[in-house]
Amino acid sequence: MQVPIVLIGRFRYANAKVMGVGHDWAEQNADVTQLVGLFRVDTFHIAPDMGMAVYYFHEAEQAKSALTELKKGFQSYAEMFDCRITWELGTFNVTLSNKLTSQTGETQPIL
């Protein structure tokens, strides 16, 4: 089984009131179709001024290449919405995630 590689983007807004506007803008304008190997994106609202996105890739080289593109693409977003974005690269722990998910009574693991 190939282990998914993830890029995690953490978004911190200087003004919490702008976060919703930024999400609306992203829903209308974000385009990740050019990111080779990307097969899933999950987004999270953590706090009124914090969000997170997890981008899943098939291979590490695809994720590393996409990181350059995401940083470039989100530079104008960060400026428009007064947002600081940090990025991390990691691997998805399929075994542990599926084990813990199985304990919830759900029958379908995420991957």
N, C-alpha and C. Protein backbone atom coordinates (compact mmCIF):
# COMPACT_ATOMS: atom_id res chain seq x y z
N MET A 1 0.85 -1.18 0.00
CA MET A 1 0.00 0.00 0.00
C MET A 1 0.89 1.25 0.00
N GLN A 2 0.60 2.14 -0.90
CA GLN A 2 1.34 3.40 -0.95
C GLN A 2 0.81 4.35 0.12
N VAL A 3 1.70 4.92 0.91
CA VAL A 3 1.32 5.81 1.99
C VAL A 3 1.17 7.22 1.45
N PRO A 4 0.01 7.84 1.64
CA PRO A 4 -0.17 9.21 1.16
C PRO A 4 0.77 10.19 1.85
N ILE A 5 1.25 11.14 1.07
CA ILE A 5 2.07 12.24 1.57
C ILE A 5 1.15 13.44 1.72
N VAL A 6 1.30 14.18 2.80
CA VAL A 6 0.41 15.32 3.03
C VAL A 6 1.20 16.61 3.15
N LEU A 7 0.58 17.67 2.67
CA LEU A 7 1.02 19.03 2.93
C LEU A 7 -0.03 19.64 3.83
N ILE A 8 0.39 20.23 4.92
CA ILE A 8 -0.54 20.85 5.86
C ILE A 8 -0.29 22.34 5.84
N GLY A 9 -1.32 23.09 5.49
CA GLY A 9 -1.25 24.55 5.51
C GLY A 9 -2.02 25.07 6.71
N ARG A 10 -1.36 25.89 7.52
CA ARG A 10 -2.02 26.48 8.70
C ARG A 10 -2.18 27.97 8.42
N PHE A 11 -3.41 28.44 8.52
CA PHE A 11 -3.76 29.81 8.18
C PHE A 11 -4.11 30.57 9.45
N ARG A 12 -3.42 31.68 9.69
CA ARG A 12 -3.67 32.51 10.87
C ARG A 12 -3.97 33.93 10.39
N TYR A 13 -5.17 34.40 10.69
CA TYR A 13 -5.64 35.71 10.22
C TYR A 13 -5.42 36.77 11.29
N ALA A 14 -4.95 37.95 10.87
CA ALA A 14 -4.75 39.06 11.81
C ALA A 14 -6.09 39.55 12.35
N ASN A 15 -7.13 39.44 11.52
CA ASN A 15 -8.47 39.88 11.90
C ASN A 15 -9.44 38.72 11.68
N ALA A 16 -10.00 38.18 12.75
CA ALA A 16 -10.89 37.02 12.66
C ALA A 16 -12.10 37.28 11.76
N LYS A 17 -12.53 38.53 11.66
CA LYS A 17 -13.71 38.85 10.84
C LYS A 17 -13.45 38.66 9.35
N VAL A 18 -12.19 38.62 8.96
CA VAL A 18 -11.81 38.48 7.55
C VAL A 18 -11.76 37.02 7.12
N MET A 19 -11.67 36.12 8.09
CA MET A 19 -11.51 34.70 7.76
C MET A 19 -12.66 34.17 6.90
N GLY A 20 -13.88 34.48 7.25
CA GLY A 20 -15.04 34.02 6.48
C GLY A 20 -15.03 34.55 5.06
N VAL A 21 -14.61 35.79 4.91
CA VAL A 21 -14.51 36.40 3.58
C VAL A 21 -13.44 35.66 2.77
N GLY A 22 -12.35 35.32 3.43
CA GLY A 22 -11.29 34.57 2.76
C GLY A 22 -11.76 33.20 2.32
N HIS A 23 -12.53 32.53 3.15
CA HIS A 23 -13.08 31.22 2.77
C HIS A 23 -14.01 31.35 1.57
N ASP A 24 -14.87 32.38 1.60
CA ASP A 24 -15.78 32.61 0.47
C ASP A 24 -14.99 32.84 -0.81
N TRP A 25 -13.92 33.65 -0.71
CA TRP A 25 -13.08 33.92 -1.87
C TRP A 25 -12.47 32.62 -2.39
N ALA A 26 -11.96 31.79 -1.48
CA ALA A 26 -11.32 30.53 -1.88
C ALA A 26 -12.32 29.60 -2.55
N GLU A 27 -13.55 29.53 -2.04
CA GLU A 27 -14.56 28.68 -2.67
C GLU A 27 -14.85 29.11 -4.10
N GLN A 28 -14.79 30.41 -4.35
CA GLN A 28 -15.07 30.93 -5.68
C GLN A 28 -13.86 30.90 -6.61
N ASN A 29 -12.65 30.98 -6.07
CA ASN A 29 -11.47 31.23 -6.90
C ASN A 29 -10.35 30.21 -6.83
N ALA A 30 -10.28 29.42 -5.77
CA ALA A 30 -9.16 28.48 -5.63
C ALA A 30 -9.21 27.43 -6.73
N ASP A 31 -8.05 27.10 -7.27
CA ASP A 31 -7.95 26.10 -8.33
C ASP A 31 -6.71 25.25 -8.08
N VAL A 32 -6.91 24.00 -7.73
CA VAL A 32 -5.79 23.10 -7.46
C VAL A 32 -5.62 22.05 -8.56
N THR A 33 -6.28 22.25 -9.68
CA THR A 33 -6.24 21.26 -10.75
C THR A 33 -4.85 21.06 -11.35
N GLN A 34 -3.96 22.04 -11.21
CA GLN A 34 -2.62 21.93 -11.77
C GLN A 34 -1.65 21.17 -10.87
N LEU A 35 -2.07 20.80 -9.66
CA LEU A 35 -1.18 20.12 -8.72
C LEU A 35 -1.14 18.62 -9.03
N VAL A 36 -0.06 18.18 -9.60
CA VAL A 36 0.10 16.79 -10.03
C VAL A 36 0.13 15.87 -8.81
N GLY A 37 -0.66 14.81 -8.86
CA GLY A 37 -0.68 13.81 -7.79
C GLY A 37 -1.62 14.11 -6.64
N LEU A 38 -2.24 15.29 -6.65
CA LEU A 38 -3.19 15.64 -5.59
C LEU A 38 -4.46 14.82 -5.77
N PHE A 39 -4.89 14.15 -4.68
CA PHE A 39 -6.11 13.35 -4.81
C PHE A 39 -7.16 13.66 -3.75
N ARG A 40 -6.84 14.52 -2.80
CA ARG A 40 -7.83 14.87 -1.78
C ARG A 40 -7.37 16.14 -1.07
N VAL A 41 -8.35 16.94 -0.64
CA VAL A 41 -8.07 18.11 0.19
C VAL A 41 -9.12 18.15 1.30
N ASP A 42 -8.68 18.29 2.53
CA ASP A 42 -9.59 18.48 3.67
C ASP A 42 -9.29 19.84 4.28
N THR A 43 -10.33 20.56 4.64
CA THR A 43 -10.14 21.88 5.26
C THR A 43 -10.83 21.91 6.61
N PHE A 44 -10.28 22.73 7.52
CA PHE A 44 -10.76 22.77 8.89
C PHE A 44 -10.83 24.21 9.39
N HIS A 45 -11.87 24.51 10.14
CA HIS A 45 -11.98 25.76 10.87
C HIS A 45 -11.61 25.42 12.31
N ILE A 46 -10.53 26.01 12.81
CA ILE A 46 -10.02 25.66 14.13
C ILE A 46 -10.47 26.66 15.18
N ALA A 47 -10.41 27.93 14.86
CA ALA A 47 -10.78 29.02 15.77
C ALA A 47 -11.24 30.19 14.90
N PRO A 48 -11.81 31.22 15.50
CA PRO A 48 -12.29 32.35 14.68
C PRO A 48 -11.21 32.96 13.78
N ASP A 49 -9.94 32.82 14.15
CA ASP A 49 -8.88 33.40 13.33
C ASP A 49 -7.90 32.35 12.78
N MET A 50 -8.27 31.07 12.87
CA MET A 50 -7.36 30.01 12.43
C MET A 50 -8.06 28.94 11.60
N GLY A 51 -7.38 28.53 10.53
CA GLY A 51 -7.87 27.45 9.70
C GLY A 51 -6.72 26.55 9.29
N MET A 52 -7.06 25.43 8.68
CA MET A 52 -6.04 24.48 8.25
C MET A 52 -6.55 23.74 7.03
N ALA A 53 -5.64 23.41 6.13
CA ALA A 53 -5.97 22.59 4.97
C ALA A 53 -4.94 21.48 4.87
N VAL A 54 -5.41 20.28 4.54
CA VAL A 54 -4.52 19.13 4.35
C VAL A 54 -4.69 18.67 2.91
N TYR A 55 -3.57 18.66 2.20
CA TYR A 55 -3.52 18.26 0.79
C TYR A 55 -2.84 16.90 0.71
N TYR A 56 -3.49 15.92 0.09
CA TYR A 56 -2.99 14.55 0.02
C TYR A 56 -2.42 14.26 -1.37
N PHE A 57 -1.21 13.69 -1.40
CA PHE A 57 -0.54 13.37 -2.65
C PHE A 57 -0.11 11.91 -2.65
N HIS A 58 0.07 11.38 -3.87
CA HIS A 58 0.52 10.00 -4.03
C HIS A 58 1.99 9.83 -3.69
N GLU A 59 2.83 10.81 -4.05
CA GLU A 59 4.27 10.66 -3.89
C GLU A 59 4.89 11.91 -3.28
N ALA A 60 6.01 11.71 -2.58
CA ALA A 60 6.69 12.82 -1.91
C ALA A 60 7.15 13.89 -2.89
N GLU A 61 7.68 13.47 -4.04
CA GLU A 61 8.16 14.46 -5.02
C GLU A 61 7.02 15.32 -5.54
N GLN A 62 5.85 14.73 -5.69
CA GLN A 62 4.67 15.51 -6.12
C GLN A 62 4.31 16.55 -5.07
N ALA A 63 4.34 16.16 -3.81
CA ALA A 63 4.02 17.09 -2.72
C ALA A 63 5.04 18.21 -2.64
N LYS A 64 6.32 17.87 -2.77
CA LYS A 64 7.36 18.89 -2.71
C LYS A 64 7.22 19.89 -3.86
N SER A 65 6.91 19.40 -5.03
CA SER A 65 6.70 20.28 -6.18
C SER A 65 5.47 21.16 -5.96
N ALA A 66 4.41 20.56 -5.42
CA ALA A 66 3.17 21.30 -5.17
C ALA A 66 3.37 22.37 -4.10
N LEU A 67 4.25 22.10 -3.15
CA LEU A 67 4.49 23.08 -2.09
C LEU A 67 4.96 24.41 -2.68
N THR A 68 5.85 24.34 -3.64
CA THR A 68 6.32 25.56 -4.31
C THR A 68 5.15 26.29 -4.96
N GLU A 69 4.29 25.55 -5.63
CA GLU A 69 3.13 26.15 -6.30
C GLU A 69 2.12 26.72 -5.30
N LEU A 70 1.88 25.99 -4.22
CA LEU A 70 0.93 26.47 -3.21
C LEU A 70 1.43 27.74 -2.54
N LYS A 71 2.71 27.78 -2.22
CA LYS A 71 3.28 28.98 -1.60
C LYS A 71 3.12 30.18 -2.52
N LYS A 72 3.41 29.99 -3.81
CA LYS A 72 3.25 31.08 -4.79
C LYS A 72 1.79 31.48 -4.91
N GLY A 73 0.92 30.49 -5.03
CA GLY A 73 -0.50 30.75 -5.23
C GLY A 73 -1.16 31.43 -4.05
N PHE A 74 -0.73 31.08 -2.85
CA PHE A 74 -1.35 31.65 -1.65
C PHE A 74 -0.70 32.95 -1.19
N GLN A 75 0.36 33.39 -1.86
CA GLN A 75 1.01 34.64 -1.48
C GLN A 75 0.04 35.82 -1.61
N SER A 76 -0.67 35.89 -2.72
CA SER A 76 -1.62 37.00 -2.90
C SER A 76 -2.81 36.85 -1.94
N TYR A 77 -3.22 35.62 -1.67
CA TYR A 77 -4.30 35.37 -0.70
C TYR A 77 -3.90 35.92 0.67
N ALA A 78 -2.67 35.60 1.08
CA ALA A 78 -2.17 36.06 2.38
C ALA A 78 -2.16 37.58 2.47
N GLU A 79 -1.81 38.22 1.37
CA GLU A 79 -1.79 39.69 1.34
C GLU A 79 -3.21 40.26 1.36
N MET A 80 -4.11 39.67 0.57
CA MET A 80 -5.49 40.16 0.51
C MET A 80 -6.20 40.07 1.84
N PHE A 81 -5.97 38.98 2.58
CA PHE A 81 -6.73 38.72 3.79
C PHE A 81 -5.89 38.83 5.07
N ASP A 82 -4.73 39.45 4.97
CA ASP A 82 -3.85 39.67 6.11
C ASP A 82 -3.71 38.38 6.92
N CYS A 83 -3.17 37.40 6.25
CA CYS A 83 -3.12 36.04 6.78
C CYS A 83 -1.68 35.53 6.70
N ARG A 84 -1.23 34.87 7.75
CA ARG A 84 0.08 34.22 7.73
C ARG A 84 -0.15 32.73 7.51
N ILE A 85 0.57 32.16 6.57
CA ILE A 85 0.41 30.74 6.25
C ILE A 85 1.73 30.02 6.48
N THR A 86 1.66 28.93 7.23
CA THR A 86 2.84 28.08 7.41
C THR A 86 2.53 26.71 6.80
N TRP A 87 3.57 26.05 6.31
CA TRP A 87 3.41 24.78 5.60
C TRP A 87 4.26 23.70 6.24
N GLU A 88 3.73 22.48 6.29
CA GLU A 88 4.47 21.32 6.78
C GLU A 88 4.23 20.15 5.84
N LEU A 89 5.23 19.30 5.70
CA LEU A 89 5.16 18.10 4.88
C LEU A 89 5.20 16.89 5.80
N GLY A 90 4.34 15.92 5.56
CA GLY A 90 4.32 14.73 6.40
C GLY A 90 3.74 13.54 5.67
N THR A 91 3.55 12.45 6.39
CA THR A 91 2.91 11.26 5.82
C THR A 91 1.64 10.95 6.60
N PHE A 92 0.67 10.43 5.91
CA PHE A 92 -0.60 10.04 6.51
C PHE A 92 -0.40 8.66 7.13
N ASN A 93 -0.74 8.50 8.38
CA ASN A 93 -0.58 7.22 9.06
C ASN A 93 -1.85 6.39 8.84
N VAL A 94 -1.82 5.62 7.76
CA VAL A 94 -2.99 4.84 7.35
C VAL A 94 -3.39 3.82 8.41
N THR A 95 -2.42 3.07 8.94
CA THR A 95 -2.71 2.01 9.89
C THR A 95 -3.37 2.55 11.16
N LEU A 96 -2.75 3.56 11.76
CA LEU A 96 -3.30 4.11 13.00
C LEU A 96 -4.64 4.80 12.75
N SER A 97 -4.74 5.55 11.67
CA SER A 97 -6.00 6.24 11.37
C SER A 97 -7.14 5.25 11.18
N ASN A 98 -6.88 4.18 10.43
CA ASN A 98 -7.92 3.18 10.21
C ASN A 98 -8.26 2.43 11.50
N LYS A 99 -7.26 2.15 12.34
CA LYS A 99 -7.50 1.46 13.61
C LYS A 99 -8.40 2.31 14.51
N LEU A 100 -8.06 3.58 14.65
CA LEU A 100 -8.87 4.46 15.51
C LEU A 100 -10.26 4.67 14.92
N THR A 101 -10.34 4.80 13.60
CA THR A 101 -11.65 4.97 12.96
C THR A 101 -12.51 3.73 13.17
N SER A 102 -11.90 2.55 13.13
CA SER A 102 -12.68 1.32 13.33
C SER A 102 -13.31 1.27 14.71
N GLN A 103 -12.71 1.94 15.67
CA GLN A 103 -13.25 1.96 17.02
C GLN A 103 -14.50 2.83 17.15
N THR A 104 -14.77 3.64 16.12
CA THR A 104 -15.95 4.51 16.17
C THR A 104 -17.22 3.78 15.75
N GLY A 105 -17.05 2.59 15.17
CA GLY A 105 -18.22 1.85 14.70
C GLY A 105 -18.51 2.12 13.23
N GLU A 106 -17.81 3.05 12.62
CA GLU A 106 -17.98 3.29 11.18
C GLU A 106 -17.30 2.16 10.42
N THR A 107 -17.86 1.80 9.29
CA THR A 107 -17.31 0.67 8.55
C THR A 107 -16.37 1.10 7.43
N GLN A 108 -16.36 2.36 7.06
CA GLN A 108 -15.54 2.82 5.95
C GLN A 108 -14.35 3.65 6.42
N PRO A 109 -13.12 3.14 6.27
CA PRO A 109 -11.96 3.99 6.56
C PRO A 109 -11.87 5.09 5.50
N ILE A 110 -11.20 6.18 5.84
CA ILE A 110 -11.06 7.31 4.90
C ILE A 110 -10.29 6.88 3.67
N LEU A 111 -9.20 6.16 3.86
CA LEU A 111 -8.39 5.71 2.71
C LEU A 111 -8.28 4.21 2.71
